[in-house]
């Protein structure tokens, strides 16, 4: 589990290292607040996203299902700054479907870890394939990274788009194109 006391001590040390007084009125509670924030932001560390997909419904459905515009927030593991955006998920069931809230929970669990966008995209697709065993799975993630917009190259408004295609979405260009056009609203 997350060790709040260690986080508080480390944050107090950082405050001191930048030349501020950790006992100053405006900063005295900052280490505690950051420890609480990290407990929330990294809550996915101790959860298994596969468990969210274990309850399925045998509907005999074999057509594409899309979950569009699932918002997420994550922390870049390189700078511990947020990246955030939207996830679009598609799958072609093997007869079994999963509730919409379950996919959003999978995204949240995987996003609430120190992450890379590329890894997050693949982990969502691989979790679906492993548990649901669909005929195909597709994930597109579009995100803005504060490590790129508020520091470094400082390019606000820029975004990164990643995709992961499995099964029929990877094998059949027409299936992939259908998914991408539906996600883009065309």
Protein backbone atom coordinates (compact mmCIF):
# COMPACT_ATOMS: atom_id res chain seq x y z
CA UNK A 1 0.00 0.00 0.00
CA UNK A 2 0.96 3.62 -0.32
CA UNK A 3 3.13 4.89 2.52
CA UNK A 4 1.77 8.38 3.24
CA UNK A 5 4.37 9.11 5.93
CA UNK A 6 7.24 8.55 3.47
CA UNK A 7 5.55 10.77 0.89
CA UNK A 8 5.05 13.53 3.47
CA UNK A 9 8.70 13.37 4.50
CA UNK A 10 9.86 13.41 0.86
CA UNK A 11 7.63 16.37 -0.04
CA UNK A 12 8.86 18.34 2.97
CA UNK A 13 12.40 17.62 1.78
CA UNK A 14 11.57 18.84 -1.74
CA UNK A 15 10.01 22.03 -0.36
CA UNK A 16 13.17 22.61 1.62
CA UNK A 17 15.38 21.76 -1.40
CA UNK A 18 13.76 24.43 -3.60
CA UNK A 19 14.55 27.03 -0.92
CA UNK A 20 11.15 27.30 0.72
CA UNK A 21 10.25 26.85 4.37
CA UNK A 22 8.11 23.69 4.84
CA UNK A 23 6.86 25.20 8.13
CA UNK A 24 5.53 28.35 6.45
CA UNK A 25 1.77 28.72 6.95
CA UNK A 26 0.85 28.14 3.29
CA UNK A 27 3.09 25.08 3.01
CA UNK A 28 2.79 23.39 6.40
CA UNK A 29 -0.07 21.09 5.25
CA UNK A 30 1.24 20.59 1.70
CA UNK A 31 3.10 17.33 2.43
CA UNK A 32 -0.09 15.80 3.90
CA UNK A 33 -2.23 17.05 1.01
CA UNK A 34 0.18 15.64 -1.57
CA UNK A 35 0.30 12.29 0.24
CA UNK A 36 -3.51 12.16 0.15
CA UNK A 37 -3.52 13.16 -3.52
CA UNK A 38 -1.01 10.45 -4.43
CA UNK A 39 -3.17 7.87 -2.64
CA UNK A 40 -6.03 8.83 -4.95
CA UNK A 41 -3.99 9.41 -8.13
CA UNK A 42 -2.20 6.06 -7.83
CA UNK A 43 -5.17 4.02 -6.57
CA UNK A 44 -4.88 1.67 -9.57
CA UNK A 45 -1.58 0.29 -8.29
CA UNK A 46 -3.33 -2.24 -6.09
CA UNK A 47 -6.30 -3.17 -8.30
CA UNK A 48 -6.57 -5.81 -11.01
CA UNK A 49 -8.37 -4.42 -14.09
CA UNK A 50 -9.23 -7.94 -15.25
CA UNK A 51 -11.61 -8.37 -12.32
CA UNK A 52 -13.81 -5.62 -13.75
CA UNK A 53 -14.52 -7.68 -16.87
CA UNK A 54 -15.37 -10.99 -15.19
CA UNK A 55 -19.13 -10.33 -15.18
CA UNK A 56 -20.34 -10.74 -18.77
CA UNK A 57 -23.71 -11.23 -20.37
CA UNK A 58 -24.24 -13.92 -22.99
CA UNK A 59 -26.25 -11.95 -25.53
CA UNK A 60 -25.12 -13.77 -28.66
CA UNK A 61 -23.89 -10.41 -29.96
CA UNK A 62 -21.18 -10.58 -32.63
CA UNK A 63 -21.21 -7.00 -33.95
CA UNK A 64 -18.87 -4.14 -33.09
CA UNK A 65 -19.39 -2.40 -29.75
CA UNK A 66 -17.78 0.99 -29.12
CA UNK A 67 -17.23 2.92 -25.90
CA UNK A 68 -16.43 6.46 -26.94
CA UNK A 69 -15.00 9.48 -25.11
CA UNK A 70 -14.03 7.84 -21.80
CA UNK A 71 -12.15 10.59 -19.98
CA UNK A 72 -9.06 9.74 -17.95
CA UNK A 73 -6.27 11.31 -15.92
CA UNK A 74 -2.88 9.70 -15.43
CA UNK A 75 0.63 10.57 -14.29
CA UNK A 76 3.59 10.42 -16.65
CA UNK A 77 6.19 8.21 -15.04
CA UNK A 78 9.05 10.31 -16.40
CA UNK A 79 8.16 13.62 -14.71
CA UNK A 80 5.23 12.76 -12.41
CA UNK A 81 3.13 15.35 -14.20
CA UNK A 82 -0.41 14.63 -15.39
CA UNK A 83 -1.51 13.61 -18.83
CA UNK A 84 -5.19 13.42 -19.60
CA UNK A 85 -7.62 12.97 -22.42
CA UNK A 86 -10.05 10.52 -23.97
CA UNK A 87 -10.06 6.79 -24.60
CA UNK A 88 -12.13 5.13 -27.32
CA UNK A 89 -12.59 1.37 -27.07
CA UNK A 90 -14.08 -1.04 -29.58
CA UNK A 91 -14.51 -4.78 -29.53
CA UNK A 92 -16.23 -7.48 -31.48
CA UNK A 93 -17.72 -9.84 -28.90
CA UNK A 94 -17.60 -13.57 -29.14
CA UNK A 95 -21.25 -13.57 -28.04
CA UNK A 96 -20.60 -12.10 -24.58
CA UNK A 97 -20.86 -8.40 -23.79
CA UNK A 98 -19.72 -6.42 -20.78
CA UNK A 99 -21.38 -3.48 -19.04
CA UNK A 100 -20.33 0.01 -20.11
CA UNK A 101 -19.20 1.04 -16.64
CA UNK A 102 -16.81 -1.90 -16.56
CA UNK A 103 -14.75 -0.57 -19.46
CA UNK A 104 -14.53 2.85 -17.82
CA UNK A 105 -13.30 1.17 -14.63
CA UNK A 106 -10.61 -0.72 -16.57
CA UNK A 107 -9.41 2.60 -17.99
CA UNK A 108 -9.38 4.22 -14.54
CA UNK A 109 -7.48 1.37 -12.88
CA UNK A 110 -4.78 1.32 -15.54
CA UNK A 111 -4.54 5.12 -15.73
CA UNK A 112 -4.13 5.47 -11.96
CA UNK A 113 -0.54 4.25 -12.02
CA UNK A 114 2.73 5.84 -13.06
CA UNK A 115 2.18 5.43 -16.81
CA UNK A 116 3.22 5.97 -20.37
CA UNK A 117 0.44 6.60 -22.87
CA UNK A 118 1.71 3.87 -25.19
CA UNK A 119 1.68 1.31 -22.36
CA UNK A 120 -1.77 2.42 -21.16
CA UNK A 121 -3.18 1.94 -24.67
CA UNK A 122 -1.77 -1.58 -24.99
CA UNK A 123 -2.74 -2.58 -21.45
CA UNK A 124 -6.39 -1.69 -22.07
CA UNK A 125 -6.46 -3.74 -25.29
CA UNK A 126 -4.59 -6.68 -23.76
CA UNK A 127 -6.85 -6.76 -20.70
CA UNK A 128 -9.92 -6.96 -22.96
CA UNK A 129 -8.39 -9.72 -25.10
CA UNK A 130 -7.28 -11.78 -22.12
CA UNK A 131 -10.58 -11.67 -20.23
CA UNK A 132 -13.29 -11.25 -22.88
CA UNK A 133 -11.58 -13.19 -25.68
CA UNK A 134 -13.31 -11.08 -28.34
CA UNK A 135 -12.88 -11.53 -32.07
CA UNK A 136 -11.14 -8.17 -32.03
CA UNK A 137 -10.25 -5.25 -29.77
CA UNK A 138 -9.29 -1.68 -30.58
CA UNK A 139 -8.19 1.20 -28.38
CA UNK A 140 -7.38 4.80 -29.31
CA UNK A 141 -6.07 7.22 -26.69
CA UNK A 142 -5.72 10.95 -27.27
CA UNK A 143 -4.04 12.94 -24.50
CA UNK A 144 -2.40 16.19 -23.58
CA UNK A 145 0.78 15.84 -21.52
CA UNK A 146 1.67 18.56 -19.04
CA UNK A 147 5.31 17.47 -19.22
CA UNK A 148 5.17 18.74 -22.81
CA UNK A 149 2.81 21.70 -22.45
CA UNK A 150 3.86 23.45 -19.22
CA UNK A 151 7.60 22.62 -19.28
CA UNK A 152 10.17 21.47 -21.81
CA UNK A 153 9.04 22.40 -25.33
CA UNK A 154 5.98 24.25 -23.95
CA UNK A 155 3.47 23.45 -26.68
CA UNK A 156 0.01 23.91 -25.09
CA UNK A 157 -2.87 22.35 -26.99
CA UNK A 158 -0.74 19.67 -28.58
CA UNK A 159 -1.80 16.08 -28.09
CA UNK A 160 -0.51 12.58 -28.59
CA UNK A 161 -2.64 9.87 -30.18
CA UNK A 162 -1.87 6.17 -29.72
CA UNK A 163 -3.69 3.06 -30.85
CA UNK A 164 -3.68 -0.67 -30.19
CA UNK A 165 -5.42 -3.08 -32.54
CA UNK A 166 -5.95 -6.77 -31.80
CA UNK A 167 -7.64 -9.60 -33.69
CA UNK A 168 -9.99 -8.57 -36.50
CA UNK A 169 -9.14 -4.89 -36.04
CA UNK A 170 -5.51 -5.65 -36.82
CA UNK A 171 -6.17 -8.29 -39.51
CA UNK A 172 -8.95 -6.54 -41.44
CA UNK A 173 -8.37 -2.97 -42.66
CA UNK A 174 -12.11 -2.51 -43.32
CA UNK A 175 -12.94 -3.36 -39.68
CA UNK A 176 -10.23 -1.01 -38.41
CA UNK A 177 -11.49 1.75 -40.74
CA UNK A 178 -15.08 1.30 -39.55
CA UNK A 179 -13.97 1.64 -35.93
CA UNK A 180 -11.82 4.70 -36.61
CA UNK A 181 -14.53 6.44 -38.62
CA UNK A 182 -17.13 5.82 -35.90
CA UNK A 183 -14.75 7.10 -33.22
CA UNK A 184 -13.94 10.22 -35.24
CA UNK A 185 -17.64 10.83 -35.87
CA UNK A 186 -17.39 10.65 -39.64
